């Protein structure tokens, strides 16, 4: 049976999912929290936290809210950080705001 989305490549993670995962890991490590502790705080296994951090699994908005609370970050700050574009040096730069049609 052919794939629904033939352009999707197996084994490749979406760059946005990878970036979100990196930001989660960065904050977790900064707070000296283990994957197991974060998992327990949000009701998942440490393996699931690993998948979020690698970008293997997408983080739903409701789960991102739980993660933000567990890591003591305001959700809007988390979203802003996740919606920034990583540059070659691995740091992030704000993305250009999109203009809305009038």
PDB file of N, CA and C in Angstrom:
ATOM      1  N   UNK A   1       0.842  -1.172   0.000  1.00  0.00           N
ATOM      2  CA  UNK A   1       0.000   0.000   0.000  1.00  0.00           C
ATOM      3  C   UNK A   1       0.894   1.245   0.000  1.00  0.00           C
ATOM      4  N   UNK A   2       0.660   2.173  -0.920  1.00  0.00           N
ATOM      5  CA  UNK A   2       1.493   3.371  -0.991  1.00  0.00           C
ATOM      6  C   UNK A   2       1.257   4.273   0.219  1.00  0.00           C
ATOM      7  N   UNK A   3       2.299   5.016   0.542  1.00  0.00           N
ATOM      8  CA  UNK A   3       2.243   5.943   1.670  1.00  0.00           C
ATOM      9  C   UNK A   3       1.303   7.098   1.344  1.00  0.00           C
ATOM     10  N   UNK A   4       0.628   7.606   2.368  1.00  0.00           N
ATOM     11  CA  UNK A   4      -0.260   8.746   2.187  1.00  0.00           C
ATOM     12  C   UNK A   4       0.546   9.978   1.787  1.00  0.00           C
ATOM     13  N   UNK A   5       1.711  10.126   2.387  1.00  0.00           N
ATOM     14  CA  UNK A   5       2.579  11.260   2.088  1.00  0.00           C
ATOM     15  C   UNK A   5       3.896  10.718   1.531  1.00  0.00           C
ATOM     16  N   UNK A   6       3.997  10.560   0.195  1.00  0.00           N
ATOM     17  CA  UNK A   6       5.193   9.960  -0.378  1.00  0.00           C
ATOM     18  C   UNK A   6       6.463  10.789  -0.185  1.00  0.00           C
ATOM     19  N   UNK A   7       6.316  12.091   0.111  1.00  0.00           N
ATOM     20  CA  UNK A   7       7.490  12.938   0.296  1.00  0.00           C
ATOM     21  C   UNK A   7       8.118  12.775   1.674  1.00  0.00           C
ATOM     22  N   UNK A   8       7.370  12.176   2.613  1.00  0.00           N
ATOM     23  CA  UNK A   8       7.912  11.985   3.955  1.00  0.00           C
ATOM     24  C   UNK A   8       8.976  10.904   3.906  1.00  0.00           C
ATOM     25  N   UNK A   9      10.122  11.215   4.455  1.00  0.00           N
ATOM     26  CA  UNK A   9      11.232  10.278   4.441  1.00  0.00           C
ATOM     27  C   UNK A   9      11.280   9.540   5.773  1.00  0.00           C
ATOM     28  N   UNK A  10      11.386   8.205   5.707  1.00  0.00           N
ATOM     29  CA  UNK A  10      11.484   7.410   6.932  1.00  0.00           C
ATOM     30  C   UNK A  10      12.782   7.727   7.648  1.00  0.00           C
ATOM     31  N   UNK A  11      12.694   7.806   8.975  1.00  0.00           N
ATOM     32  CA  UNK A  11      13.884   8.023   9.766  1.00  0.00           C
ATOM     33  C   UNK A  11      14.331   9.470   9.867  1.00  0.00           C
ATOM     34  N   UNK A  12      13.698  10.352   9.145  1.00  0.00           N
ATOM     35  CA  UNK A  12      14.069  11.770   9.213  1.00  0.00           C
ATOM     36  C   UNK A  12      13.062  12.484  10.093  1.00  0.00           C
ATOM     37  N   UNK A  13      13.579  13.297  10.996  1.00  0.00           N
ATOM     38  CA  UNK A  13      12.723  14.035  11.908  1.00  0.00           C
ATOM     39  C   UNK A  13      12.492  15.433  11.365  1.00  0.00           C
ATOM     40  N   UNK A  14      11.312  15.947  11.623  1.00  0.00           N
ATOM     41  CA  UNK A  14      10.978  17.299  11.208  1.00  0.00           C
ATOM     42  C   UNK A  14      11.881  18.279  11.947  1.00  0.00           C
ATOM     43  N   UNK A  15      12.504  19.225  11.254  1.00  0.00           N
ATOM     44  CA  UNK A  15      13.418  20.164  11.906  1.00  0.00           C
ATOM     45  C   UNK A  15      12.764  20.975  13.029  1.00  0.00           C
ATOM     46  N   UNK A  16      11.507  21.280  12.903  1.00  0.00           N
ATOM     47  CA  UNK A  16      10.810  22.022  13.955  1.00  0.00           C
ATOM     48  C   UNK A  16      10.678  21.149  15.202  1.00  0.00           C
ATOM     49  N   UNK A  17      10.329  19.877  15.019  1.00  0.00           N
ATOM     50  CA  UNK A  17      10.213  18.960  16.151  1.00  0.00           C
ATOM     51  C   UNK A  17      11.562  18.792  16.846  1.00  0.00           C
ATOM     52  N   UNK A  18      12.630  18.723  16.068  1.00  0.00           N
ATOM     53  CA  UNK A  18      13.980  18.602  16.633  1.00  0.00           C
ATOM     54  C   UNK A  18      14.322  19.855  17.428  1.00  0.00           C
ATOM     55  N   UNK A  19      13.996  21.018  16.889  1.00  0.00           N
ATOM     56  CA  UNK A  19      14.290  22.281  17.568  1.00  0.00           C
ATOM     57  C   UNK A  19      13.515  22.390  18.879  1.00  0.00           C
ATOM     58  N   UNK A  20      12.235  22.045  18.856  1.00  0.00           N
ATOM     59  CA  UNK A  20      11.419  22.073  20.076  1.00  0.00           C
ATOM     60  C   UNK A  20      12.031  21.132  21.115  1.00  0.00           C
ATOM     61  N   UNK A  21      12.411  19.935  20.690  1.00  0.00           N
ATOM     62  CA  UNK A  21      13.020  18.972  21.599  1.00  0.00           C
ATOM     63  C   UNK A  21      14.314  19.472  22.205  1.00  0.00           C
ATOM     64  N   UNK A  22      15.126  20.134  21.395  1.00  0.00           N
ATOM     65  CA  UNK A  22      16.388  20.688  21.905  1.00  0.00           C
ATOM     66  C   UNK A  22      16.137  21.750  22.963  1.00  0.00           C
ATOM     67  N   UNK A  23      15.127  22.567  22.736  1.00  0.00           N
ATOM     68  CA  UNK A  23      14.806  23.610  23.715  1.00  0.00           C
ATOM     69  C   UNK A  23      14.305  22.993  25.024  1.00  0.00           C
ATOM     70  N   UNK A  24      13.522  21.934  24.923  1.00  0.00           N
ATOM     71  CA  UNK A  24      13.051  21.241  26.124  1.00  0.00           C
ATOM     72  C   UNK A  24      14.246  20.674  26.879  1.00  0.00           C
ATOM     73  N   UNK A  25      15.134  19.999  26.161  1.00  0.00           N
ATOM     74  CA  UNK A  25      16.318  19.408  26.801  1.00  0.00           C
ATOM     75  C   UNK A  25      17.195  20.492  27.428  1.00  0.00           C
ATOM     76  N   UNK A  26      17.391  21.588  26.717  1.00  0.00           N
ATOM     77  CA  UNK A  26      18.226  22.678  27.211  1.00  0.00           C
ATOM     78  C   UNK A  26      17.697  23.180  28.557  1.00  0.00           C
ATOM     79  N   UNK A  27      16.408  23.401  28.643  1.00  0.00           N
ATOM     80  CA  UNK A  27      15.814  23.903  29.890  1.00  0.00           C
ATOM     81  C   UNK A  27      15.883  22.835  30.986  1.00  0.00           C
ATOM     82  N   UNK A  28      15.615  21.577  30.639  1.00  0.00           N
ATOM     83  CA  UNK A  28      15.646  20.491  31.624  1.00  0.00           C
ATOM     84  C   UNK A  28      17.039  20.345  32.216  1.00  0.00           C
ATOM     85  N   UNK A  29      18.056  20.348  31.373  1.00  0.00           N
ATOM     86  CA  UNK A  29      19.442  20.213  31.836  1.00  0.00           C
ATOM     87  C   UNK A  29      19.835  21.430  32.668  1.00  0.00           C
ATOM     88  N   UNK A  30      19.427  22.619  32.249  1.00  0.00           N
ATOM     89  CA  UNK A  30      19.732  23.835  32.982  1.00  0.00           C
ATOM     90  C   UNK A  30      19.174  23.767  34.400  1.00  0.00           C
ATOM     91  N   UNK A  31      18.017  23.129  34.548  1.00  0.00           N
ATOM     92  CA  UNK A  31      17.402  22.993  35.864  1.00  0.00           C
ATOM     93  C   UNK A  31      17.892  21.749  36.606  1.00  0.00           C
ATOM     94  N   UNK A  32      18.825  21.042  36.027  1.00  0.00           N
ATOM     95  CA  UNK A  32      19.389  19.833  36.622  1.00  0.00           C
ATOM     96  C   UNK A  32      18.294  18.811  36.944  1.00  0.00           C
ATOM     97  N   UNK A  33      17.401  18.625  35.992  1.00  0.00           N
ATOM     98  CA  UNK A  33      16.300  17.684  36.138  1.00  0.00           C
ATOM     99  C   UNK A  33      16.561  16.492  35.226  1.00  0.00           C
ATOM    100  N   UNK A  34      16.327  15.299  35.723  1.00  0.00           N
ATOM    101  CA  UNK A  34      16.516  14.101  34.901  1.00  0.00           C
ATOM    102  C   UNK A  34      15.320  13.914  33.974  1.00  0.00           C
ATOM    103  N   UNK A  35      15.519  13.101  32.949  1.00  0.00           N
ATOM    104  CA  UNK A  35      14.410  12.779  32.059  1.00  0.00           C
ATOM    105  C   UNK A  35      13.312  12.047  32.826  1.00  0.00           C
ATOM    106  N   UNK A  36      13.715  11.199  33.771  1.00  0.00           N
ATOM    107  CA  UNK A  36      12.737  10.456  34.576  1.00  0.00           C
ATOM    108  C   UNK A  36      11.891  11.409  35.416  1.00  0.00           C
ATOM    109  N   UNK A  37      12.543  12.426  36.007  1.00  0.00           N
ATOM    110  CA  UNK A  37      11.813  13.390  36.837  1.00  0.00           C
ATOM    111  C   UNK A  37      10.833  14.204  35.986  1.00  0.00           C
ATOM    112  N   UNK A  38      11.269  14.626  34.806  1.00  0.00           N
ATOM    113  CA  UNK A  38      10.364  15.366  33.919  1.00  0.00           C
ATOM    114  C   UNK A  38       9.218  14.465  33.480  1.00  0.00           C
ATOM    115  N   UNK A  39       9.547  13.241  33.120  1.00  0.00           N
ATOM    116  CA  UNK A  39       8.509  12.296  32.715  1.00  0.00           C
ATOM    117  C   UNK A  39       7.474  12.078  33.798  1.00  0.00           C
ATOM    118  N   UNK A  40       7.933  11.914  35.026  1.00  0.00           N
ATOM    119  CA  UNK A  40       7.013  11.717  36.145  1.00  0.00           C
ATOM    120  C   UNK A  40       6.137  12.952  36.340  1.00  0.00           C
ATOM    121  N   UNK A  41       6.721  14.124  36.195  1.00  0.00           N
ATOM    122  CA  UNK A  41       5.975  15.372  36.378  1.00  0.00           C
ATOM    123  C   UNK A  41       4.877  15.554  35.342  1.00  0.00           C
ATOM    124  N   UNK A  42       5.098  15.021  34.129  1.00  0.00           N
ATOM    125  CA  UNK A  42       4.100  15.216  33.056  1.00  0.00           C
ATOM    126  C   UNK A  42       3.319  13.942  32.748  1.00  0.00           C
ATOM    127  N   UNK A  43       3.631  12.859  33.463  1.00  0.00           N
ATOM    128  CA  UNK A  43       2.846  11.632  33.312  1.00  0.00           C
ATOM    129  C   UNK A  43       3.244  10.741  32.151  1.00  0.00           C
ATOM    130  N   UNK A  44       4.524  10.766  31.770  1.00  0.00           N
ATOM    131  CA  UNK A  44       5.008   9.876  30.709  1.00  0.00           C
ATOM    132  C   UNK A  44       6.297   9.205  31.186  1.00  0.00           C
ATOM    133  N   UNK A  45       6.777   8.228  30.434  1.00  0.00           N
ATOM    134  CA  UNK A  45       8.027   7.551  30.777  1.00  0.00           C
ATOM    135  C   UNK A  45       9.221   8.395  30.348  1.00  0.00           C
ATOM    136  N   UNK A  46      10.380   8.075  30.896  1.00  0.00           N
ATOM    137  CA  UNK A  46      11.585   8.811  30.486  1.00  0.00           C
ATOM    138  C   UNK A  46      11.896   8.531  29.022  1.00  0.00           C
ATOM    139  N   UNK A  47      11.489   7.347  28.522  1.00  0.00           N
ATOM    140  CA  UNK A  47      11.712   7.047  27.109  1.00  0.00           C
ATOM    141  C   UNK A  47      10.916   8.006  26.214  1.00  0.00           C
ATOM    142  N   UNK A  48       9.706   8.349  26.664  1.00  0.00           N
ATOM    143  CA  UNK A  48       8.895   9.293  25.888  1.00  0.00           C
ATOM    144  C   UNK A  48       9.538  10.675  25.909  1.00  0.00           C
ATOM    145  N   UNK A  49      10.094  11.067  27.048  1.00  0.00           N
ATOM    146  CA  UNK A  49      10.807  12.347  27.134  1.00  0.00           C
ATOM    147  C   UNK A  49      11.978  12.337  26.159  1.00  0.00           C
ATOM    148  N   UNK A  50      12.704  11.217  26.080  1.00  0.00           N
ATOM    149  CA  UNK A  50      13.817  11.093  25.130  1.00  0.00           C
ATOM    150  C   UNK A  50      13.328  11.310  23.703  1.00  0.00           C
ATOM    151  N   UNK A  51      12.201  10.724  23.370  1.00  0.00           N
ATOM    152  CA  UNK A  51      11.654  10.870  22.018  1.00  0.00           C
ATOM    153  C   UNK A  51      11.270  12.316  21.731  1.00  0.00           C
ATOM    154  N   UNK A  52      10.691  12.994  22.734  1.00  0.00           N
ATOM    155  CA  UNK A  52      10.377  14.414  22.556  1.00  0.00           C
ATOM    156  C   UNK A  52      11.654  15.207  22.320  1.00  0.00           C
ATOM    157  N   UNK A  53      12.673  14.939  23.127  1.00  0.00           N
ATOM    158  CA  UNK A  53      13.911  15.708  23.038  1.00  0.00           C
ATOM    159  C   UNK A  53      14.673  15.448  21.738  1.00  0.00           C
ATOM    160  N   UNK A  54      14.557  14.267  21.180  1.00  0.00           N
ATOM    161  CA  UNK A  54      15.221  13.952  19.900  1.00  0.00           C
ATOM    162  C   UNK A  54      14.422  14.456  18.712  1.00  0.00           C
ATOM    163  N   UNK A  55      13.153  14.739  18.932  1.00  0.00           N
ATOM    164  CA  UNK A  55      12.290  15.150  17.825  1.00  0.00           C
ATOM    165  C   UNK A  55      11.651  13.969  17.130  1.00  0.00           C
ATOM    166  N   UNK A  56      11.787  12.775  17.719  1.00  0.00           N
ATOM    167  CA  UNK A  56      11.178  11.578  17.137  1.00  0.00           C
ATOM    168  C   UNK A  56       9.659  11.631  17.231  1.00  0.00           C
ATOM    169  N   UNK A  57       9.173  12.152  18.348  1.00  0.00           N
ATOM    170  CA  UNK A  57       7.739  12.323  18.559  1.00  0.00           C
ATOM    171  C   UNK A  57       7.438  13.798  18.717  1.00  0.00           C
ATOM    172  N   UNK A  58       6.347  14.214  18.132  1.00  0.00           N
ATOM    173  CA  UNK A  58       5.929  15.612  18.246  1.00  0.00           C
ATOM    174  C   UNK A  58       5.323  15.863  19.610  1.00  0.00           C
ATOM    175  N   UNK A  59       5.500  17.078  20.083  1.00  0.00           N
ATOM    176  CA  UNK A  59       4.945  17.482  21.367  1.00  0.00           C
ATOM    177  C   UNK A  59       3.644  18.230  21.090  1.00  0.00           C
ATOM    178  N   UNK A  60       2.539  17.682  21.581  1.00  0.00           N
ATOM    179  CA  UNK A  60       1.242  18.342  21.422  1.00  0.00           C
ATOM    180  C   UNK A  60       1.215  19.614  22.262  1.00  0.00           C
ATOM    181  N   UNK A  61       0.354  20.542  21.908  1.00  0.00           N
ATOM    182  CA  UNK A  61       0.252  21.806  22.630  1.00  0.00           C
ATOM    183  C   UNK A  61      -0.076  21.578  24.100  1.00  0.00           C
ATOM    184  N   UNK A  62      -0.967  20.646  24.391  1.00  0.00           N
ATOM    185  CA  UNK A  62      -1.328  20.372  25.787  1.00  0.00           C
ATOM    186  C   UNK A  62      -0.141  19.793  26.551  1.00  0.00           C
ATOM    187  N   UNK A  63       0.654  18.953  25.893  1.00  0.00           N
ATOM    188  CA  UNK A  63       1.839  18.383  26.536  1.00  0.00           C
ATOM    189  C   UNK A  63       2.899  19.460  26.719  1.00  0.00           C
ATOM    190  N   UNK A  64       3.015  20.369  25.753  1.00  0.00           N
ATOM    191  CA  UNK A  64       3.961  21.470  25.875  1.00  0.00           C
ATOM    192  C   UNK A  64       3.599  22.341  27.080  1.00  0.00           C
ATOM    193  N   UNK A  65       2.306  22.514  27.324  1.00  0.00           N
ATOM    194  CA  UNK A  65       1.843  23.263  28.502  1.00  0.00           C
ATOM    195  C   UNK A  65       2.314  22.558  29.775  1.00  0.00           C
ATOM    196  N   UNK A  66       2.164  21.236  29.836  1.00  0.00           N
ATOM    197  CA  UNK A  66       2.605  20.474  31.006  1.00  0.00           C
ATOM    198  C   UNK A  66       4.117  20.568  31.191  1.00  0.00           C
ATOM    199  N   UNK A  67       4.852  20.466  30.102  1.00  0.00           N
ATOM    200  CA  UNK A  67       6.311  20.551  30.162  1.00  0.00           C
ATOM    201  C   UNK A  67       6.733  21.932  30.649  1.00  0.00           C
ATOM    202  N   UNK A  68       6.092  22.970  30.137  1.00  0.00           N
ATOM    203  CA  UNK A  68       6.419  24.338  30.548  1.00  0.00           C
ATOM    204  C   UNK A  68       6.191  24.511  32.044  1.00  0.00           C
ATOM    205  N   UNK A  69       5.098  23.972  32.555  1.00  0.00           N
ATOM    206  CA  UNK A  69       4.816  24.076  33.987  1.00  0.00           C
ATOM    207  C   UNK A  69       5.853  23.299  34.794  1.00  0.00           C
ATOM    208  N   UNK A  70       6.202  22.101  34.340  1.00  0.00           N
ATOM    209  CA  UNK A  70       7.182  21.271  35.054  1.00  0.00           C
ATOM    210  C   UNK A  70       8.558  21.915  35.064  1.00  0.00           C
ATOM    211  N   UNK A  71       8.887  22.651  33.992  1.00  0.00           N
ATOM    212  CA  UNK A  71      10.197  23.287  33.884  1.00  0.00           C
ATOM    213  C   UNK A  71      10.166  24.746  34.344  1.00  0.00           C
ATOM    214  N   UNK A  72       9.029  25.158  34.902  1.00  0.00           N
ATOM    215  CA  UNK A  72       8.875  26.504  35.449  1.00  0.00           C
ATOM    216  C   UNK A  72       9.154  27.586  34.404  1.00  0.00           C
ATOM    217  N   UNK A  73       8.487  27.436  33.263  1.00  0.00           N
ATOM    218  CA  UNK A  73       8.599  28.393  32.165  1.00  0.00           C
ATOM    219  C   UNK A  73       7.186  28.790  31.765  1.00  0.00           C
ATOM    220  N   UNK A  74       6.985  30.077  31.502  1.00  0.00           N
ATOM    221  CA  UNK A  74       5.678  30.499  31.011  1.00  0.00           C
ATOM    222  C   UNK A  74       5.509  29.969  29.597  1.00  0.00           C
ATOM    223  N   UNK A  75       4.330  29.486  29.275  1.00  0.00           N
ATOM    224  CA  UNK A  75       4.113  28.859  27.977  1.00  0.00           C
ATOM    225  C   UNK A  75       4.405  29.808  26.828  1.00  0.00           C
ATOM    226  N   UNK A  76       4.014  31.061  26.937  1.00  0.00           N
ATOM    227  CA  UNK A  76       4.273  31.973  25.815  1.00  0.00           C
ATOM    228  C   UNK A  76       5.770  32.116  25.580  1.00  0.00           C
ATOM    229  N   UNK A  77       6.572  32.061  26.638  1.00  0.00           N
ATOM    230  CA  UNK A  77       8.028  32.127  26.474  1.00  0.00           C
ATOM    231  C   UNK A  77       8.523  30.852  25.790  1.00  0.00           C
ATOM    232  N   UNK A  78       7.923  29.717  26.148  1.00  0.00           N
ATOM    233  CA  UNK A  78       8.304  28.450  25.525  1.00  0.00           C
ATOM    234  C   UNK A  78       7.978  28.465  24.038  1.00  0.00           C
ATOM    235  N   UNK A  79       6.801  28.943  23.713  1.00  0.00           N
ATOM    236  CA  UNK A  79       6.403  28.988  22.306  1.00  0.00           C
ATOM    237  C   UNK A  79       7.279  29.950  21.527  1.00  0.00           C
ATOM    238  N   UNK A  80       7.573  31.095  22.111  1.00  0.00           N
ATOM    239  CA  UNK A  80       8.432  32.054  21.426  1.00  0.00           C
ATOM    240  C   UNK A  80       9.805  31.432  21.165  1.00  0.00           C
ATOM    241  N   UNK A  81      10.345  30.729  22.167  1.00  0.00           N
ATOM    242  CA  UNK A  81      11.646  30.095  22.004  1.00  0.00           C
ATOM    243  C   UNK A  81      11.587  28.999  20.947  1.00  0.00           C
ATOM    244  N   UNK A  82      10.482  28.285  20.909  1.00  0.00           N
ATOM    245  CA  UNK A  82      10.353  27.199  19.941  1.00  0.00           C
ATOM    246  C   UNK A  82      10.129  27.719  18.529  1.00  0.00           C
ATOM    247  N   UNK A  83       9.605  28.914  18.424  1.00  0.00           N
ATOM    248  CA  UNK A  83       9.312  29.474  17.103  1.00  0.00           C
ATOM    249  C   UNK A  83      10.420  30.376  16.595  1.00  0.00           C
ATOM    250  N   UNK A  84      11.599  30.233  17.160  1.00  0.00           N
ATOM    251  CA  UNK A  84      12.748  30.961  16.641  1.00  0.00           C
ATOM    252  C   UNK A  84      13.539  30.037  15.739  1.00  0.00           C
ATOM    253  N   UNK A  85      14.212  30.612  14.814  1.00  0.00           N
ATOM    254  CA  UNK A  85      14.927  29.837  13.806  1.00  0.00           C
ATOM    255  C   UNK A  85      16.375  29.615  14.240  1.00  0.00           C
ATOM    256  N   UNK A  86      16.825  28.333  14.307  1.00  0.00           N
ATOM    257  CA  UNK A  86      18.226  28.109  14.677  1.00  0.00           C
ATOM    258  C   UNK A  86      19.157  28.518  13.543  1.00  0.00           C
ATOM    259  N   UNK A  87      20.291  29.123  13.889  1.00  0.00           N
ATOM    260  CA  UNK A  87      21.271  29.464  12.862  1.00  0.00           C
ATOM    261  C   UNK A  87      22.373  28.403  12.846  1.00  0.00           C
ATOM    262  N   UNK A  88      23.378  28.584  12.038  1.00  0.00           N
ATOM    263  CA  UNK A  88      24.433  27.574  11.903  1.00  0.00           C
ATOM    264  C   UNK A  88      25.221  27.360  13.175  1.00  0.00           C
ATOM    265  N   UNK A  89      25.310  28.378  14.007  1.00  0.00           N
ATOM    266  CA  UNK A  89      26.079  28.272  15.250  1.00  0.00           C
ATOM    267  C   UNK A  89      25.295  27.543  16.335  1.00  0.00           C
ATOM    268  N   UNK A  90      24.036  27.204  16.056  1.00  0.00           N
ATOM    269  CA  UNK A  90      23.229  26.503  17.040  1.00  0.00           C
ATOM    270  C   UNK A  90      22.451  27.422  17.967  1.00  0.00           C
ATOM    271  N   UNK A  91      22.653  28.733  17.807  1.00  0.00           N
ATOM    272  CA  UNK A  91      21.872  29.677  18.587  1.00  0.00           C
ATOM    273  C   UNK A  91      20.611  29.996  17.807  1.00  0.00           C
ATOM    274  N   UNK A  92      19.727  30.747  18.405  1.00  0.00           N
ATOM    275  CA  UNK A  92      18.475  31.019  17.716  1.00  0.00           C
ATOM    276  C   UNK A  92      18.341  32.494  17.380  1.00  0.00           C
ATOM    277  N   UNK A  93      17.687  32.733  16.283  1.00  0.00           N
ATOM    278  CA  UNK A  93      17.388  34.083  15.840  1.00  0.00           C
ATOM    279  C   UNK A  93      15.883  34.190  15.685  1.00  0.00           C
ATOM    280  N   UNK A  94      15.289  35.317  16.042  1.00  0.00           N
ATOM    281  CA  UNK A  94      13.844  35.452  15.874  1.00  0.00           C
ATOM    282  C   UNK A  94      13.458  35.343  14.406  1.00  0.00           C
ATOM    283  N   UNK A  95      12.345  34.699  14.155  1.00  0.00           N
ATOM    284  CA  UNK A  95      11.842  34.636  12.795  1.00  0.00           C
ATOM    285  C   UNK A  95      11.134  35.945  12.469  1.00  0.00           C
ATOM    286  N   UNK A  96      11.073  36.256  11.212  1.00  0.00           N
ATOM    287  CA  UNK A  96      10.404  37.485  10.793  1.00  0.00           C
ATOM    288  C   UNK A  96       8.906  37.320  11.016  1.00  0.00           C
ATOM    289  N   UNK A  97       8.243  38.352  11.552  1.00  0.00           N
ATOM    290  CA  UNK A  97       6.794  38.255  11.733  1.00  0.00           C
ATOM    291  C   UNK A  97       6.111  38.191  10.374  1.00  0.00           C
ATOM    292  N   UNK A  98       5.084  37.399  10.297  1.00  0.00           N
ATOM    293  CA  UNK A  98       4.340  37.315   9.043  1.00  0.00           C
ATOM    294  C   UNK A  98       3.279  38.407   9.045  1.00  0.00           C
ATOM    295  N   UNK A  99       3.086  39.011   7.903  1.00  0.00           N
ATOM    296  CA  UNK A  99       2.071  40.050   7.821  1.00  0.00           C
ATOM    297  C   UNK A  99       0.721  39.401   7.534  1.00  0.00           C
ATOM    298  N   UNK A 100      -0.287  39.930   8.145  1.00  0.00           N
ATOM    299  CA  UNK A 100      -1.636  39.407   7.948  1.00  0.00           C
ATOM    300  C   UNK A 100      -2.300  40.162   6.815  1.00  0.00           C
ATOM    301  N   UNK A 101      -3.081  39.458   6.014  1.00  0.00           N
ATOM    302  CA  UNK A 101      -3.831  40.157   4.967  1.00  0.00           C
ATOM    303  C   UNK A 101      -4.905  41.043   5.602  1.00  0.00           C
ATOM    304  N   UNK A 102      -5.095  42.201   5.012  1.00  0.00           N
ATOM    305  CA  UNK A 102      -6.097  43.145   5.568  1.00  0.00           C
ATOM    306  C   UNK A 102      -7.420  42.981   4.905  1.00  0.00           C
TER     307      UNK A 102
END
